[in-house]
Amino acid sequence: MREKDLSETAYEKLAAKVLAICQRHHVPCILHSFPETALRLHVSAVHLPLPLLRNMTDIQKMAFQVIGSSCHSLQEAKEAKRLGCTYIIAGHIFATACKPRLAARGIPFLKEICANTALPVYAIGGINSENAPFVRHAGAKGLCVMSGIMQCNDPAAYLKIMEESR
């Protein structure tokens, strides 16, 4: 659950509600950016920007079964592994409205990350049903979609199309 515009207190209130929904439907939830909130809510999975991850102690990291980070270079991917990540998100792969002024890193970047880390790599950025097969063939364990699923009328149908695009 990523929400960059909330204070930690507001994030924790929202996270508690989201976690209740996820638990009711047996869906895992990874909290983002606030490891102390994750601990208070008894969540064992957290996704942290590298600067936050760098500041965590090994003892703090041991509280989590799953730790992820977003990486934008091979060097960052290797650092994430050294810092204890269990997965990484690599991006942004294709042009996306979320990052209009930044050039996409492309499939060669994704291939390099996947080939040079033992961690599961999930791709993000501009991924749709037309380019999802390229992401899979590059070696990504999975892919992340944000805008497409948030803007569609039928999330289940959208996900089915993404799955069929293999």
C-alpha atoms as a PDB file:
ATOM      1  CA  MET A   1       0.000   0.000   0.000  1.00  0.00           C
ATOM      2  CA  ARG A   2       1.718   3.112  -1.237  1.00  0.00           C
ATOM      3  CA  GLU A   3       0.401   6.540  -0.379  1.00  0.00           C
ATOM      4  CA  LYS A   4       3.051   9.228  -0.524  1.00  0.00           C
ATOM      5  CA  ASP A   5       0.854  12.183   0.381  1.00  0.00           C
ATOM      6  CA  LEU A   6      -0.212  11.118   3.877  1.00  0.00           C
ATOM      7  CA  SER A   7       1.433  11.687   7.217  1.00  0.00           C
ATOM      8  CA  GLU A   8       2.471   8.516   9.000  1.00  0.00           C
ATOM      9  CA  THR A   9      -0.502   8.836  11.368  1.00  0.00           C
ATOM     10  CA  ALA A  10      -2.991   9.158   8.500  1.00  0.00           C
ATOM     11  CA  TYR A  11      -1.210   6.372   6.607  1.00  0.00           C
ATOM     12  CA  GLU A  12      -1.528   4.057   9.606  1.00  0.00           C
ATOM     13  CA  LYS A  13      -5.274   4.694   9.898  1.00  0.00           C
ATOM     14  CA  LEU A  14      -5.773   3.948   6.218  1.00  0.00           C
ATOM     15  CA  ALA A  15      -3.450   0.926   6.346  1.00  0.00           C
ATOM     16  CA  ALA A  16      -5.469  -0.595   9.193  1.00  0.00           C
ATOM     17  CA  LYS A  17      -8.615  -0.378   7.052  1.00  0.00           C
ATOM     18  CA  VAL A  18      -6.873  -1.772   3.960  1.00  0.00           C
ATOM     19  CA  LEU A  19      -5.341  -4.619   5.960  1.00  0.00           C
ATOM     20  CA  ALA A  20      -8.760  -5.618   7.298  1.00  0.00           C
ATOM     21  CA  ILE A  21     -10.074  -5.836   3.722  1.00  0.00           C
ATOM     22  CA  CYS A  22      -7.006  -7.775   2.556  1.00  0.00           C
ATOM     23  CA  GLN A  23      -7.273 -10.226   5.452  1.00  0.00           C
ATOM     24  CA  ARG A  24     -10.970 -10.765   4.805  1.00  0.00           C
ATOM     25  CA  HIS A  25     -10.161 -11.707   1.202  1.00  0.00           C
ATOM     26  CA  HIS A  26      -6.902 -13.568   1.972  1.00  0.00           C
ATOM     27  CA  VAL A  27      -4.842 -11.089  -0.049  1.00  0.00           C
ATOM     28  CA  PRO A  28      -1.323 -10.208   1.108  1.00  0.00           C
ATOM     29  CA  CYS A  29      -0.545  -6.568   1.737  1.00  0.00           C
ATOM     30  CA  ILE A  30       2.869  -4.900   1.645  1.00  0.00           C
ATOM     31  CA  LEU A  31       3.117  -1.569   3.410  1.00  0.00           C
ATOM     32  CA  HIS A  32       5.280   1.192   1.935  1.00  0.00           C
ATOM     33  CA  SER A  33       7.723   3.675   3.474  1.00  0.00           C
ATOM     34  CA  PHE A  34       6.690   3.335   7.127  1.00  0.00           C
ATOM     35  CA  PRO A  35       8.351   0.305   8.742  1.00  0.00           C
ATOM     36  CA  GLU A  36       7.292   1.362  12.251  1.00  0.00           C
ATOM     37  CA  THR A  37       3.672   1.448  11.114  1.00  0.00           C
ATOM     38  CA  ALA A  38       4.093  -2.031   9.639  1.00  0.00           C
ATOM     39  CA  LEU A  39       5.431  -3.285  12.964  1.00  0.00           C
ATOM     40  CA  ARG A  40       2.593  -1.693  14.951  1.00  0.00           C
ATOM     41  CA  LEU A  41       0.077  -3.308  12.589  1.00  0.00           C
ATOM     42  CA  HIS A  42       1.869  -6.699  12.701  1.00  0.00           C
ATOM     43  CA  VAL A  43       2.635  -6.665   8.986  1.00  0.00           C
ATOM     44  CA  SER A  44       5.658  -8.725   7.982  1.00  0.00           C
ATOM     45  CA  ALA A  45       6.088  -7.221   4.500  1.00  0.00           C
ATOM     46  CA  VAL A  46       7.406  -3.768   3.721  1.00  0.00           C
ATOM     47  CA  HIS A  47       8.552  -1.895   0.615  1.00  0.00           C
ATOM     48  CA  LEU A  48      11.071   0.865   1.241  1.00  0.00           C
ATOM     49  CA  PRO A  49      12.867   3.416  -0.885  1.00  0.00           C
ATOM     50  CA  LEU A  50      16.612   2.715  -0.781  1.00  0.00           C
ATOM     51  CA  PRO A  51      17.396   5.763   1.393  1.00  0.00           C
ATOM     52  CA  LEU A  52      15.066   4.433   4.120  1.00  0.00           C
ATOM     53  CA  LEU A  53      16.385   0.907   3.731  1.00  0.00           C
ATOM     54  CA  ARG A  54      19.963   2.135   4.113  1.00  0.00           C
ATOM     55  CA  ASN A  55      19.078   3.590   7.517  1.00  0.00           C
ATOM     56  CA  MET A  56      17.513   0.418   8.914  1.00  0.00           C
ATOM     57  CA  THR A  57      19.544  -1.757  11.240  1.00  0.00           C
ATOM     58  CA  ASP A  58      19.885  -5.483  10.695  1.00  0.00           C
ATOM     59  CA  ILE A  59      17.804  -6.017  13.846  1.00  0.00           C
ATOM     60  CA  GLN A  60      15.002  -3.851  12.424  1.00  0.00           C
ATOM     61  CA  LYS A  61      15.117  -5.757   9.136  1.00  0.00           C
ATOM     62  CA  MET A  62      14.778  -9.084  10.952  1.00  0.00           C
ATOM     63  CA  ALA A  63      11.217  -8.101  11.927  1.00  0.00           C
ATOM     64  CA  PHE A  64      10.141  -8.507   8.302  1.00  0.00           C
ATOM     65  CA  GLN A  65       9.800 -11.650   6.202  1.00  0.00           C
ATOM     66  CA  VAL A  66       9.491  -9.646   2.997  1.00  0.00           C
ATOM     67  CA  ILE A  67      11.456  -6.503   2.160  1.00  0.00           C
ATOM     68  CA  GLY A  68      11.323  -4.845  -1.224  1.00  0.00           C
ATOM     69  CA  SER A  69      12.726  -1.738  -2.822  1.00  0.00           C
ATOM     70  CA  SER A  70      12.426   0.078  -6.128  1.00  0.00           C
ATOM     71  CA  CYS A  71      15.611   0.120  -8.191  1.00  0.00           C
ATOM     72  CA  HIS A  72      16.544   2.250 -11.166  1.00  0.00           C
ATOM     73  CA  SER A  73      19.994   0.834 -11.963  1.00  0.00           C
ATOM     74  CA  LEU A  74      21.933  -2.406 -11.691  1.00  0.00           C
ATOM     75  CA  GLN A  75      24.003  -0.826  -8.917  1.00  0.00           C
ATOM     76  CA  GLU A  76      20.842  -0.114  -6.919  1.00  0.00           C
ATOM     77  CA  ALA A  77      19.597  -3.678  -7.496  1.00  0.00           C
ATOM     78  CA  LYS A  78      22.846  -5.081  -6.136  1.00  0.00           C
ATOM     79  CA  GLU A  79      22.699  -2.712  -3.180  1.00  0.00           C
ATOM     80  CA  ALA A  80      19.105  -3.749  -2.446  1.00  0.00           C
ATOM     81  CA  LYS A  81      20.235  -7.383  -2.314  1.00  0.00           C
ATOM     82  CA  ARG A  82      23.087  -6.501   0.087  1.00  0.00           C
ATOM     83  CA  LEU A  83      20.664  -4.556   2.269  1.00  0.00           C
ATOM     84  CA  GLY A  84      18.408  -7.588   2.691  1.00  0.00           C
ATOM     85  CA  CYS A  85      15.704  -7.200   0.062  1.00  0.00           C
ATOM     86  CA  THR A  86      13.748 -10.289  -0.868  1.00  0.00           C
ATOM     87  CA  TYR A  87      12.476  -8.745  -4.135  1.00  0.00           C
ATOM     88  CA  ILE A  88      12.918  -5.582  -6.184  1.00  0.00           C
ATOM     89  CA  ILE A  89      10.788  -3.487  -8.471  1.00  0.00           C
ATOM     90  CA  ALA A  90      12.643  -2.263 -11.553  1.00  0.00           C
ATOM     91  CA  GLY A  91      11.422   0.714 -13.449  1.00  0.00           C
ATOM     92  CA  HIS A  92      10.263   2.528 -15.187  1.00  0.00           C
ATOM     93  CA  ILE A  93      10.390   0.247 -18.191  1.00  0.00           C
ATOM     94  CA  PHE A  94       8.121   2.026 -20.689  1.00  0.00           C
ATOM     95  CA  ALA A  95       7.013   5.636 -21.027  1.00  0.00           C
ATOM     96  CA  THR A  96       4.396   6.500 -18.446  1.00  0.00           C
ATOM     97  CA  ALA A  97       2.275   9.516 -17.595  1.00  0.00           C
ATOM     98  CA  CYS A  98       3.412   9.069 -13.989  1.00  0.00           C
ATOM     99  CA  LYS A  99       6.933  10.140 -14.985  1.00  0.00           C
ATOM    100  CA  PRO A 100       6.412  12.374 -18.033  1.00  0.00           C
ATOM    101  CA  ARG A 101       9.835  14.036 -17.969  1.00  0.00           C
ATOM    102  CA  LEU A 102      11.904  10.878 -17.518  1.00  0.00           C
ATOM    103  CA  ALA A 103      12.973   8.619 -20.363  1.00  0.00           C
ATOM    104  CA  ALA A 104      11.881   5.007 -20.110  1.00  0.00           C
ATOM    105  CA  ARG A 105      14.682   2.581 -19.222  1.00  0.00           C
ATOM    106  CA  GLY A 106      13.451  -0.085 -21.641  1.00  0.00           C
ATOM    107  CA  ILE A 107      13.608  -3.839 -22.008  1.00  0.00           C
ATOM    108  CA  PRO A 108      17.441  -3.983 -22.259  1.00  0.00           C
ATOM    109  CA  PHE A 109      17.610  -2.405 -18.773  1.00  0.00           C
ATOM    110  CA  LEU A 110      15.116  -4.947 -17.435  1.00  0.00           C
ATOM    111  CA  LYS A 111      17.042  -7.838 -18.988  1.00  0.00           C
ATOM    112  CA  GLU A 112      20.262  -6.582 -17.383  1.00  0.00           C
ATOM    113  CA  ILE A 113      18.644  -6.366 -13.946  1.00  0.00           C
ATOM    114  CA  CYS A 114      17.031  -9.807 -14.233  1.00  0.00           C
ATOM    115  CA  ALA A 115      20.235 -11.442 -15.469  1.00  0.00           C
ATOM    116  CA  ASN A 116      22.408  -9.946 -12.744  1.00  0.00           C
ATOM    117  CA  THR A 117      20.446 -10.423  -9.550  1.00  0.00           C
ATOM    118  CA  ALA A 118      19.169 -13.529  -7.825  1.00  0.00           C
ATOM    119  CA  LEU A 119      16.220 -11.569  -6.454  1.00  0.00           C
ATOM    120  CA  PRO A 120      12.772 -11.796  -8.006  1.00  0.00           C
ATOM    121  CA  VAL A 121      12.345  -8.720 -10.210  1.00  0.00           C
ATOM    122  CA  TYR A 122       8.972  -7.085 -10.812  1.00  0.00           C
ATOM    123  CA  ALA A 123       8.769  -4.528 -13.627  1.00  0.00           C
ATOM    124  CA  ILE A 124       6.827  -1.276 -13.414  1.00  0.00           C
ATOM    125  CA  GLY A 125       6.103   1.648 -15.664  1.00  0.00           C
ATOM    126  CA  GLY A 126       3.884   1.913 -18.712  1.00  0.00           C
ATOM    127  CA  ILE A 127       3.103  -1.799 -18.794  1.00  0.00           C
ATOM    128  CA  ASN A 128      -0.022  -2.865 -20.686  1.00  0.00           C
ATOM    129  CA  SER A 129      -1.343  -5.973 -22.420  1.00  0.00           C
ATOM    130  CA  GLU A 130       0.608  -5.184 -25.597  1.00  0.00           C
ATOM    131  CA  ASN A 131       4.040  -4.901 -23.982  1.00  0.00           C
ATOM    132  CA  ALA A 132       3.591  -7.271 -21.032  1.00  0.00           C
ATOM    133  CA  PRO A 133       4.944 -10.270 -23.023  1.00  0.00           C
ATOM    134  CA  PHE A 134       8.232  -8.413 -23.557  1.00  0.00           C
ATOM    135  CA  VAL A 135       8.497  -7.866 -19.797  1.00  0.00           C
ATOM    136  CA  ARG A 136       7.971 -11.559 -19.144  1.00  0.00           C
ATOM    137  CA  HIS A 137      10.485 -12.597 -21.816  1.00  0.00           C
ATOM    138  CA  ALA A 138      13.066 -10.251 -20.278  1.00  0.00           C
ATOM    139  CA  GLY A 139      13.028 -12.444 -17.188  1.00  0.00           C
ATOM    140  CA  ALA A 140      10.802 -10.495 -14.807  1.00  0.00           C
ATOM    141  CA  LYS A 141       9.055 -12.573 -12.164  1.00  0.00           C
ATOM    142  CA  GLY A 142       6.021 -10.358 -12.563  1.00  0.00           C
ATOM    143  CA  LEU A 143       4.788  -6.923 -13.452  1.00  0.00           C
ATOM    144  CA  CYS A 144       3.094  -4.027 -11.741  1.00  0.00           C
ATOM    145  CA  VAL A 145       0.318  -1.906 -13.153  1.00  0.00           C
ATOM    146  CA  MET A 146      -1.106   1.195 -11.592  1.00  0.00           C
ATOM    147  CA  SER A 147      -2.798   3.651 -13.935  1.00  0.00           C
ATOM    148  CA  GLY A 148      -4.349   1.024 -16.182  1.00  0.00           C
ATOM    149  CA  ILE A 149      -6.092  -0.825 -13.406  1.00  0.00           C
ATOM    150  CA  MET A 150      -7.100   2.314 -11.518  1.00  0.00           C
ATOM    151  CA  GLN A 151      -8.657   3.841 -14.615  1.00  0.00           C
ATOM    152  CA  CYS A 152     -10.467   0.797 -15.999  1.00  0.00           C
ATOM    153  CA  ASN A 153     -14.131   0.004 -15.448  1.00  0.00           C
ATOM    154  CA  ASP A 154     -13.601  -3.718 -14.796  1.00  0.00           C
ATOM    155  CA  PRO A 155     -10.396  -4.599 -12.900  1.00  0.00           C
ATOM    156  CA  ALA A 156     -11.060  -8.351 -13.126  1.00  0.00           C
ATOM    157  CA  ALA A 157     -11.387  -8.181 -16.919  1.00  0.00           C
ATOM    158  CA  TYR A 158      -8.294  -5.975 -17.138  1.00  0.00           C
ATOM    159  CA  LEU A 159      -6.239  -8.487 -15.156  1.00  0.00           C
ATOM    160  CA  LYS A 160      -7.564 -11.346 -17.280  1.00  0.00           C
ATOM    161  CA  ILE A 161      -6.417  -9.576 -20.444  1.00  0.00           C
ATOM    162  CA  MET A 162      -2.989  -8.999 -18.866  1.00  0.00           C
ATOM    163  CA  GLU A 163      -2.743 -12.683 -17.949  1.00  0.00           C
ATOM    164  CA  GLU A 164      -3.804 -13.785 -21.435  1.00  0.00           C
ATOM    165  CA  SER A 165      -1.168 -11.566 -23.031  1.00  0.00           C
ATOM    166  CA  ARG A 166       1.541 -14.072 -22.104  1.00  0.00           C
END
